């Protein structure tokens, strides 16, 4: 799929995920949540959880994620949304890994503010960043919208909240809004583009959308091709063909 045929928001999302390391910080304007609501949004299927039952997130957090994830990568004319591809399941599973719990991070003090090039210096592991962030966003929304949680707001209001978090304009008591947004967006991206074995990217939907070959053994002739999708369907780690 060439750049000329994609919406700017979807194009930026793909560039931000596919052509830089997974751990890189999300670029400003990389998600549909930062664009005005469109007719495509209005006609997209509502983000709804499937039969999966979360093991880590409680029902309040799960409701928040259903709304937020659907705004970050919604269904549009170019491809499936994050809800459709099982990103919620990915998030819940990933929060139960040693990486998300901080077991494989250096988590001892001192906890100080430092320049971005020194990496994360905080005391919260990834899953705590997500959990504390959700609580603070919902608390902020309740204070500004008559007791309503984030998931109860309309789409335009949800987008404004997410933009405020991304830009660090919202001030929370327990966490940086920008830190929360960056980590949430990175996790949603990871689940959207990761191998299906991790719970997201069901049916290799995102790989098909961008023409990514997946785990095929040989596609060297296409490594430098940027304006055309790979002509053969993708293959996942389990050997399934898309």
Protein backbone atom coordinates (compact mmCIF):
# COMPACT_ATOMS: atom_id res chain seq x y z
CA UNK A 1 0.00 0.00 0.00
CA UNK A 2 1.65 3.22 -1.10
CA UNK A 3 1.85 6.34 1.03
CA UNK A 4 -0.42 8.13 -1.41
CA UNK A 5 -3.35 5.83 -0.70
CA UNK A 6 -3.34 6.04 3.09
CA UNK A 7 -4.75 8.63 5.44
CA UNK A 8 -2.01 10.73 7.11
CA UNK A 9 -2.83 9.35 10.56
CA UNK A 10 -2.76 5.68 9.54
CA UNK A 11 0.41 6.32 7.48
CA UNK A 12 2.19 7.92 10.45
CA UNK A 13 1.17 5.04 12.70
CA UNK A 14 2.64 2.50 10.27
CA UNK A 15 5.86 4.45 9.81
CA UNK A 16 6.23 4.88 13.55
CA UNK A 17 5.88 1.17 14.20
CA UNK A 18 7.32 -0.64 11.21
CA UNK A 19 10.39 1.42 10.41
CA UNK A 20 11.71 2.20 13.90
CA UNK A 21 12.42 -0.08 16.87
CA UNK A 22 9.38 -1.23 18.83
CA UNK A 23 10.58 0.48 22.00
CA UNK A 24 10.90 3.91 20.44
CA UNK A 25 8.77 6.66 21.90
CA UNK A 26 5.58 7.43 19.99
CA UNK A 27 5.81 10.42 17.70
CA UNK A 28 3.35 13.26 18.10
CA UNK A 29 0.35 12.91 15.86
CA UNK A 30 0.91 9.20 15.26
CA UNK A 31 -2.61 8.03 16.07
CA UNK A 32 -6.09 8.60 14.84
CA UNK A 33 -7.06 9.82 18.31
CA UNK A 34 -5.28 13.07 17.47
CA UNK A 35 -7.32 13.72 14.34
CA UNK A 36 -10.87 15.09 14.06
CA UNK A 37 -13.68 12.55 14.03
CA UNK A 38 -14.51 11.47 10.47
CA UNK A 39 -17.31 9.76 8.63
CA UNK A 40 -15.19 6.60 8.64
CA UNK A 41 -15.26 6.69 12.44
CA UNK A 42 -19.02 7.06 12.49
CA UNK A 43 -19.49 4.05 10.22
CA UNK A 44 -16.91 1.81 11.93
CA UNK A 45 -18.04 -1.10 14.07
CA UNK A 46 -18.17 -0.30 17.75
CA UNK A 47 -15.21 -1.61 19.72
CA UNK A 48 -16.53 -4.51 21.79
CA UNK A 49 -14.67 -7.15 23.79
CA UNK A 50 -14.83 -10.71 22.55
CA UNK A 51 -15.32 -13.76 24.75
CA UNK A 52 -11.93 -13.25 26.36
CA UNK A 53 -12.10 -12.71 30.13
CA UNK A 54 -9.33 -10.44 31.49
CA UNK A 55 -7.12 -11.92 34.18
CA UNK A 56 -5.16 -8.79 35.08
CA UNK A 57 -7.44 -5.82 34.45
CA UNK A 58 -10.57 -5.29 36.51
CA UNK A 59 -13.90 -4.36 34.91
CA UNK A 60 -13.40 -0.60 35.32
CA UNK A 61 -9.98 -0.77 33.68
CA UNK A 62 -11.28 -3.09 30.96
CA UNK A 63 -14.05 -0.63 30.12
CA UNK A 64 -11.52 2.19 29.86
CA UNK A 65 -9.25 0.16 27.58
CA UNK A 66 -12.10 -0.80 25.28
CA UNK A 67 -12.77 2.89 24.68
CA UNK A 68 -9.17 4.13 24.58
CA UNK A 69 -7.80 1.36 22.35
CA UNK A 70 -10.63 1.91 19.90
CA UNK A 71 -9.72 5.59 19.65
CA UNK A 72 -5.98 4.97 19.25
CA UNK A 73 -6.32 2.56 16.32
CA UNK A 74 -9.93 2.54 15.12
CA UNK A 75 -11.34 0.59 12.21
CA UNK A 76 -11.23 2.70 9.05
CA UNK A 77 -11.27 2.37 5.28
CA UNK A 78 -7.63 1.21 5.24
CA UNK A 79 -7.79 -1.67 7.65
CA UNK A 80 -9.02 -3.28 10.87
CA UNK A 81 -8.98 -1.57 14.24
CA UNK A 82 -7.10 -2.67 17.33
CA UNK A 83 -10.21 -4.06 18.99
CA UNK A 84 -10.91 -6.32 16.00
CA UNK A 85 -7.36 -7.64 16.02
CA UNK A 86 -7.40 -8.65 19.69
CA UNK A 87 -5.15 -5.94 21.12
CA UNK A 88 -7.15 -5.99 24.36
CA UNK A 89 -6.25 -9.64 24.86
CA UNK A 90 -2.62 -8.84 24.10
CA UNK A 91 -2.59 -6.07 26.71
CA UNK A 92 -4.07 -8.25 29.42
CA UNK A 93 -1.64 -11.09 28.70
CA UNK A 94 1.38 -8.81 28.46
CA UNK A 95 0.65 -7.19 31.81
CA UNK A 96 1.28 -10.60 33.39
CA UNK A 97 4.81 -11.00 32.01
CA UNK A 98 8.10 -10.34 33.89
CA UNK A 99 8.71 -7.39 31.58
CA UNK A 100 5.49 -5.64 32.55
CA UNK A 101 5.85 -6.38 36.25
CA UNK A 102 9.33 -4.86 36.23
CA UNK A 103 11.02 -8.09 37.30
CA UNK A 104 13.62 -7.71 34.55
CA UNK A 105 14.01 -3.94 34.95
CA UNK A 106 16.42 -2.13 37.25
CA UNK A 107 13.90 -0.70 39.71
CA UNK A 108 15.99 0.62 42.58
CA UNK A 109 16.33 4.29 43.49
CA UNK A 110 17.12 7.06 43.40
CA UNK A 111 14.13 7.98 41.25
CA UNK A 112 14.96 11.30 39.64
CA UNK A 113 13.93 13.33 36.65
CA UNK A 114 16.41 12.84 33.84
CA UNK A 115 16.83 13.63 30.17
CA UNK A 116 15.06 11.17 27.82
CA UNK A 117 18.36 9.73 26.58
CA UNK A 118 18.94 8.24 30.04
CA UNK A 119 15.81 6.13 29.76
CA UNK A 120 12.98 5.63 32.20
CA UNK A 121 13.92 6.57 35.77
CA UNK A 122 10.63 6.06 37.57
CA UNK A 123 9.55 3.64 40.27
CA UNK A 124 6.55 2.12 38.50
CA UNK A 125 6.72 -0.98 36.33
CA UNK A 126 4.88 -0.98 33.03
CA UNK A 127 1.69 -2.57 34.33
CA UNK A 128 1.58 -0.08 37.21
CA UNK A 129 2.07 2.81 34.79
CA UNK A 130 -0.96 1.59 32.84
CA UNK A 131 -3.08 0.85 35.90
CA UNK A 132 -2.29 4.09 37.74
CA UNK A 133 -2.73 6.06 34.52
CA UNK A 134 -6.19 4.63 33.90
CA UNK A 135 -7.26 5.51 37.44
CA UNK A 136 -6.01 9.08 37.08
CA UNK A 137 -7.59 9.64 33.67
CA UNK A 138 -10.94 8.37 34.94
CA UNK A 139 -10.60 10.57 38.02
CA UNK A 140 -9.85 13.61 35.88
CA UNK A 141 -12.82 12.88 33.63
CA UNK A 142 -15.12 12.50 36.63
CA UNK A 143 -14.03 15.91 37.91
CA UNK A 144 -14.55 17.61 34.55
CA UNK A 145 -17.61 15.82 33.16
CA UNK A 146 -20.05 15.47 36.02
CA UNK A 147 -18.80 12.16 37.37
CA UNK A 148 -18.47 10.41 34.01
CA UNK A 149 -15.61 7.98 33.41
CA UNK A 150 -13.52 8.20 30.24
CA UNK A 151 -15.46 5.36 28.60
CA UNK A 152 -18.75 7.23 29.16
CA UNK A 153 -17.66 10.31 27.21
CA UNK A 154 -18.43 10.81 23.53
CA UNK A 155 -15.71 10.18 20.97
CA UNK A 156 -14.77 13.82 20.53
CA UNK A 157 -14.31 14.24 24.27
CA UNK A 158 -12.27 11.05 24.47
CA UNK A 159 -10.00 12.29 21.69
CA UNK A 160 -9.47 15.59 23.48
CA UNK A 161 -8.51 13.76 26.66
CA UNK A 162 -6.02 11.57 24.79
CA UNK A 163 -4.52 14.59 23.03
CA UNK A 164 -4.16 16.30 26.40
CA UNK A 165 -2.37 13.27 27.77
CA UNK A 166 -0.04 12.98 24.79
CA UNK A 167 0.94 16.62 25.01
CA UNK A 168 1.39 16.49 28.78
CA UNK A 169 -1.24 19.19 29.18
CA UNK A 170 -3.28 17.27 31.74
CA UNK A 171 -1.94 17.18 35.28
CA UNK A 172 -2.55 14.13 37.43
CA UNK A 173 -1.70 13.52 41.07
CA UNK A 174 0.03 10.18 40.72
CA UNK A 175 1.62 9.99 37.28
CA UNK A 176 2.69 12.02 34.28
CA UNK A 177 -0.10 12.04 31.71
CA UNK A 178 2.47 11.94 28.92
CA UNK A 179 4.29 8.96 30.45
CA UNK A 180 1.02 7.06 30.68
CA UNK A 181 -0.05 7.90 27.14
CA UNK A 182 3.32 7.00 25.62
CA UNK A 183 3.38 3.61 27.31
CA UNK A 184 -0.24 2.85 26.48
CA UNK A 185 0.21 3.79 22.83
CA UNK A 186 3.40 1.71 22.54
CA UNK A 187 1.61 -1.29 24.02
CA UNK A 188 -1.33 -0.88 21.64
CA UNK A 189 1.06 -0.64 18.70
CA UNK A 190 2.95 -3.70 19.87
CA UNK A 191 -0.22 -5.74 20.15
CA UNK A 192 -1.46 -4.54 16.77
CA UNK A 193 1.70 -5.51 14.88
CA UNK A 194 3.15 -8.40 16.93
CA UNK A 195 2.97 -12.05 15.96
CA UNK A 196 -0.51 -13.49 16.66
CA UNK A 197 0.96 -15.89 19.24
CA UNK A 198 0.96 -12.97 21.67
CA UNK A 199 -2.80 -12.46 21.46
CA UNK A 200 -3.12 -9.52 19.07
CA UNK A 201 -2.89 -9.14 15.29
CA UNK A 202 -5.53 -11.84 14.87
CA UNK A 203 -5.47 -13.42 11.43
CA UNK A 204 -2.34 -11.34 10.75
CA UNK A 205 -4.71 -8.50 9.88
CA UNK A 206 -2.20 -5.68 10.33
CA UNK A 207 0.47 -7.52 8.35
CA UNK A 208 -1.94 -8.01 5.46
CA UNK A 209 -2.87 -4.33 5.61
CA UNK A 210 0.72 -3.12 5.20
CA UNK A 211 1.95 -5.96 3.00
CA UNK A 212 4.38 -7.37 5.57
CA UNK A 213 5.63 -10.93 4.79
CA UNK A 214 5.87 -12.02 8.41
CA UNK A 215 8.13 -14.98 9.09
CA UNK A 216 8.74 -16.03 5.49
CA UNK A 217 12.23 -17.43 5.11
CA UNK A 218 13.34 -15.37 2.13
CA UNK A 219 12.15 -11.98 0.95
CA UNK A 220 15.47 -10.18 0.47
CA UNK A 221 14.39 -8.83 -2.89
CA UNK A 222 11.67 -6.85 -1.10
CA UNK A 223 13.59 -5.54 1.92
CA UNK A 224 14.22 -2.13 0.35
CA UNK A 225 10.82 -1.82 -1.34
CA UNK A 226 8.79 0.88 0.38
CA UNK A 227 6.05 1.77 -2.10
CA UNK A 228 4.51 -1.66 -2.73
CA UNK A 229 3.12 -4.37 -0.45
CA UNK A 230 4.72 -7.80 -0.45
CA UNK A 231 2.79 -9.77 -3.10
CA UNK A 232 2.37 -13.00 -1.09
CA UNK A 233 0.40 -13.35 2.15
CA UNK A 234 2.22 -13.34 5.50
CA UNK A 235 3.29 -16.32 7.60
CA UNK A 236 3.30 -16.26 11.41
CA UNK A 237 5.69 -17.95 13.85
CA UNK A 238 3.46 -21.01 14.03
CA UNK A 239 3.68 -21.44 10.27
CA UNK A 240 0.12 -20.37 9.55
CA UNK A 241 -0.38 -18.55 6.28
CA UNK A 242 -2.45 -15.42 6.02
